Protein backbone atom coordinates (compact mmCIF):
# COMPACT_ATOMS: atom_id res chain seq x y z
CA MET A 1 -39.27 19.00 -30.15
CA ARG A 2 -39.83 21.73 -27.58
CA VAL A 3 -38.01 21.49 -24.26
CA SER A 4 -39.42 23.35 -21.30
CA LEU A 5 -37.37 25.81 -19.29
CA ARG A 6 -37.92 23.62 -16.22
CA THR A 7 -36.35 20.62 -18.00
CA ILE A 8 -33.37 22.71 -19.13
CA PHE A 9 -32.90 24.00 -15.58
CA LEU A 10 -33.00 20.50 -14.07
CA LEU A 11 -30.52 19.12 -16.60
CA THR A 12 -28.17 22.06 -16.02
CA ALA A 13 -28.37 21.59 -12.22
CA LEU A 14 -27.63 17.87 -12.48
CA GLY A 15 -24.62 18.59 -14.68
CA ILE A 16 -23.22 21.07 -12.17
CA VAL A 17 -23.66 18.61 -9.28
CA ALA A 18 -21.94 15.84 -11.25
CA ALA A 19 -19.04 18.12 -12.15
CA LEU A 20 -18.58 19.22 -8.54
CA THR A 21 -18.67 15.61 -7.34
CA ILE A 22 -15.93 14.63 -9.76
CA ALA A 23 -13.82 17.69 -8.89
CA CYS A 24 -13.97 16.99 -5.14
CA ASP A 25 -12.95 13.34 -5.48
CA ASP A 26 -9.23 13.35 -6.19
CA ASP A 27 -8.84 9.59 -5.70
CA PRO A 28 -12.13 7.86 -6.47
CA VAL A 29 -12.82 4.41 -5.09
CA LYS A 30 -12.16 1.84 -7.76
CA PRO A 31 -13.42 -1.74 -7.84
CA PRO A 32 -10.98 -4.58 -7.18
CA VAL A 33 -8.79 -5.07 -10.22
CA GLY A 34 -7.53 -8.56 -9.50
CA ASP A 35 -4.45 -9.44 -11.49
CA SER A 36 -3.91 -6.10 -13.20
CA ILE A 37 -0.94 -3.78 -12.74
CA GLN A 38 -2.20 -0.21 -12.40
CA ASN A 39 -0.56 2.86 -13.94
CA LEU A 40 -0.12 4.82 -10.67
CA THR A 41 -2.38 7.71 -11.64
CA HIS A 42 -4.41 7.10 -8.43
CA LYS A 43 -3.00 6.83 -4.92
CA THR A 44 -4.69 3.47 -4.46
CA ASP A 45 -2.78 2.15 -7.48
CA VAL A 46 0.24 1.96 -5.17
CA LEU A 47 -1.61 -0.40 -2.80
CA ASN A 48 -2.87 -2.47 -5.71
CA ASN A 49 0.61 -2.86 -7.15
CA ILE A 50 2.12 -3.84 -3.78
CA GLU A 51 -0.38 -6.72 -3.64
CA TYR A 52 0.33 -7.62 -7.26
CA ALA A 53 4.10 -7.59 -6.77
CA TYR A 54 3.93 -9.93 -3.79
CA ASN A 55 1.28 -12.30 -5.10
CA LYS A 56 2.86 -12.56 -8.56
CA ARG A 57 6.48 -12.44 -7.32
CA GLN A 58 7.25 -9.44 -9.50
CA THR A 59 10.27 -7.67 -8.02
CA ASN A 60 10.36 -5.14 -10.86
CA VAL A 61 6.77 -4.06 -10.13
CA TYR A 62 7.59 -3.44 -6.47
CA ASP A 63 10.85 -1.69 -7.25
CA ALA A 64 9.04 0.67 -9.64
CA LEU A 65 6.81 1.82 -6.77
CA LEU A 66 9.65 3.03 -4.58
CA ASP A 67 10.50 6.72 -4.51
CA ASP A 68 14.18 7.71 -4.42
CA ALA A 69 13.59 9.08 -0.89
CA PHE A 70 11.81 5.90 0.29
CA THR A 71 12.11 4.80 3.94
CA PHE A 72 10.75 1.66 5.59
CA PHE A 73 10.02 1.59 9.34
CA TYR A 74 9.15 -1.26 11.69
CA THR A 75 9.61 -2.28 15.30
CA ASP A 76 11.34 -5.55 16.17
CA ASP A 77 8.65 -7.22 18.26
CA SER A 78 11.23 -9.27 20.20
CA PHE A 79 12.97 -6.22 21.66
CA GLY A 80 10.72 -3.25 20.89
CA THR A 81 13.52 -1.73 18.84
CA PRO A 82 12.62 0.78 16.09
CA ILE A 83 14.34 -0.12 12.83
CA GLN A 84 14.40 1.68 9.50
CA TRP A 85 16.13 1.40 6.17
CA GLY A 86 16.19 3.13 2.81
CA ARG A 87 15.34 2.32 -0.78
CA ASP A 88 18.36 0.14 -1.61
CA VAL A 89 17.88 -2.18 1.38
CA GLU A 90 14.11 -2.31 0.83
CA SER A 91 14.61 -3.23 -2.79
CA SER A 92 17.17 -5.97 -2.14
CA ALA A 93 15.34 -7.40 0.91
CA THR A 94 12.03 -7.58 -0.94
CA ALA A 95 13.70 -9.11 -3.99
CA GLY A 96 15.29 -11.74 -1.75
CA LEU A 97 11.96 -12.49 -0.07
CA LEU A 98 10.00 -12.76 -3.31
CA ALA A 99 12.65 -15.03 -4.84
CA GLY A 100 13.38 -17.08 -1.72
CA ALA A 101 9.92 -17.88 -0.39
CA ALA A 102 8.28 -21.12 -1.47
CA SER A 103 4.87 -19.41 -1.52
CA ILE A 104 3.41 -15.98 -0.73
CA THR A 105 -0.10 -14.59 -0.45
CA LEU A 106 -0.71 -10.97 0.57
CA ASP A 107 -3.97 -9.12 1.14
CA LEU A 108 -4.31 -5.39 1.87
CA THR A 109 -7.81 -4.17 2.77
CA TRP A 110 -8.12 -1.15 0.48
CA GLU A 111 -10.65 -2.14 -2.21
CA ASP A 112 -13.67 -0.67 -0.37
CA GLY A 113 -12.01 2.74 -0.15
CA VAL A 114 -9.43 4.34 2.11
CA THR A 115 -8.97 7.75 3.70
CA TRP A 116 -5.85 9.70 2.84
CA GLY A 117 -4.44 12.25 5.27
CA GLU A 118 -2.35 15.11 3.88
CA GLN A 119 0.96 16.31 5.27
CA VAL A 120 3.13 19.09 3.89
CA VAL A 121 6.77 18.09 3.38
CA GLY A 122 8.84 20.97 2.08
CA THR A 123 6.99 22.29 -0.95
CA GLU A 124 5.05 19.04 -1.52
CA SER A 125 1.93 17.40 -0.17
CA TRP A 126 2.36 13.77 0.84
CA PHE A 127 -0.64 11.55 1.57
CA SER A 128 -0.87 8.68 4.06
CA THR A 129 -3.37 5.92 4.68
CA THR A 130 -3.45 3.01 7.13
CA VAL A 131 -4.84 -0.38 6.14
CA PHE A 132 -5.07 -3.87 7.61
CA TYR A 133 -2.89 -6.54 6.09
CA HIS A 134 -2.60 -10.30 6.15
CA PHE A 135 -0.07 -12.60 4.57
CA THR A 136 0.97 -16.23 4.53
CA ILE A 137 4.61 -16.72 3.62
CA LYS A 138 6.27 -20.11 3.47
CA ILE A 139 10.06 -20.14 3.70
CA GLY A 140 11.72 -23.52 3.93
CA ASP A 141 9.95 -25.53 6.63
CA SER A 142 8.42 -22.45 8.27
CA THR A 143 5.18 -20.62 7.52
CA TYR A 144 4.84 -17.01 8.68
CA PHE A 145 1.71 -14.97 9.24
CA PRO A 146 0.97 -11.68 11.08
CA ASN A 147 -1.10 -11.30 14.20
CA SER A 148 -4.77 -10.49 13.94
CA GLY A 149 -5.38 -6.81 13.29
CA ALA A 150 -1.94 -6.07 11.82
CA LYS A 151 -1.76 -2.72 10.03
CA ALA A 152 0.60 -0.78 7.81
CA GLN A 153 0.73 2.91 6.99
CA PHE A 154 1.64 3.83 3.42
CA THR A 155 2.70 7.34 2.41
CA VAL A 156 2.75 8.39 -1.24
CA ARG A 157 3.94 11.44 -3.13
CA ASN A 158 3.17 12.64 -6.63
CA ALA A 159 6.34 12.26 -8.66
CA GLY A 160 4.50 13.41 -11.76
CA THR A 161 2.47 16.57 -12.33
CA ALA A 162 -0.97 17.80 -11.31
CA GLU A 163 -2.24 17.09 -14.82
CA LYS A 164 -0.47 13.72 -15.10
CA PRO A 165 0.00 12.32 -11.58
CA HIS A 166 2.40 9.46 -10.96
CA TRP A 167 2.23 8.27 -7.36
CA LYS A 168 5.26 6.71 -5.68
CA LEU A 169 5.67 5.03 -2.29
CA VAL A 170 7.85 7.28 -0.15
CA GLU A 171 7.27 5.82 3.34
CA PHE A 172 6.06 2.44 4.59
CA HIS A 173 5.44 1.97 8.32
CA ASP A 174 4.76 -1.60 9.44
CA LEU A 175 2.61 -0.96 12.52
CA GLY A 176 2.09 -4.61 13.39
CA GLY A 177 -0.87 -5.22 15.66
CA PRO A 178 -1.94 -5.24 19.30
CA SER A 179 -1.70 -8.98 19.93
CA LEU A 180 1.59 -10.01 18.39
CA VAL A 181 3.32 -12.59 20.56
CA SER A 182 6.80 -13.75 19.64
CA ALA A 183 7.51 -17.44 19.91
CA PRO A 184 10.56 -18.10 22.15
CA GLU A 185 11.79 -20.73 19.69
CA ARG A 186 11.28 -21.12 15.96
CA THR A 187 8.39 -23.42 15.12
CA SER A 188 6.97 -24.54 11.79
CA THR A 189 4.25 -21.87 12.02
CA GLU A 190 5.09 -18.46 13.46
CA GLN A 191 3.49 -15.08 13.98
CA MET A 192 5.82 -12.47 12.58
CA SER A 193 5.46 -8.86 11.50
CA TRP A 194 5.90 -7.89 7.86
CA GLY A 195 9.07 -5.98 8.69
CA LYS A 196 10.65 -8.89 10.52
CA VAL A 197 9.96 -11.28 7.64
CA LYS A 198 11.63 -8.83 5.25
CA ALA A 199 14.52 -8.45 7.66
CA LEU A 200 15.33 -12.15 7.16
CA TYR A 201 16.63 -11.08 3.73
CA ARG A 202 18.20 -7.80 4.73
């Protein structure tokens, strides 16, 4: 079968375009993966596994995400006080929450794609993205949920290599949201930031 030069040219051009598209997309958008644990070769795998760890109560999955240099940041909405802690406190507080809560559902809005911003830290490039979150957490007689529009910023670093990336969570900023109102007294249903819920188990 004879193939024209025009056909060969078009096929070659399409191949080049496809190759360039793949090369420029270092973290392609993936479809929702539901109940699967991801292998952390994509930045978004970190977000997926946070959801999985909370919804499936898997402390070991969450702990495996945390970089040795991990730091968590949030602001106490009652006093406007910035608070932060490191990996050990984050690990124990999250373990206490996942074990102690009667029920937990967590949703991060990342499945339709997120934008990662790069920052140079020492000799490394770290990448951050900000997403909306919502949770419903029942502890004892109380049910906690965030305010509408609550967001968190997640920063990841490649603890692997360029050829075999392995993304870890190095910073987690609970940004809360613009309309959070603290109840003066504890009620059966309360608005509470993610950080403050975790701080119950600190």
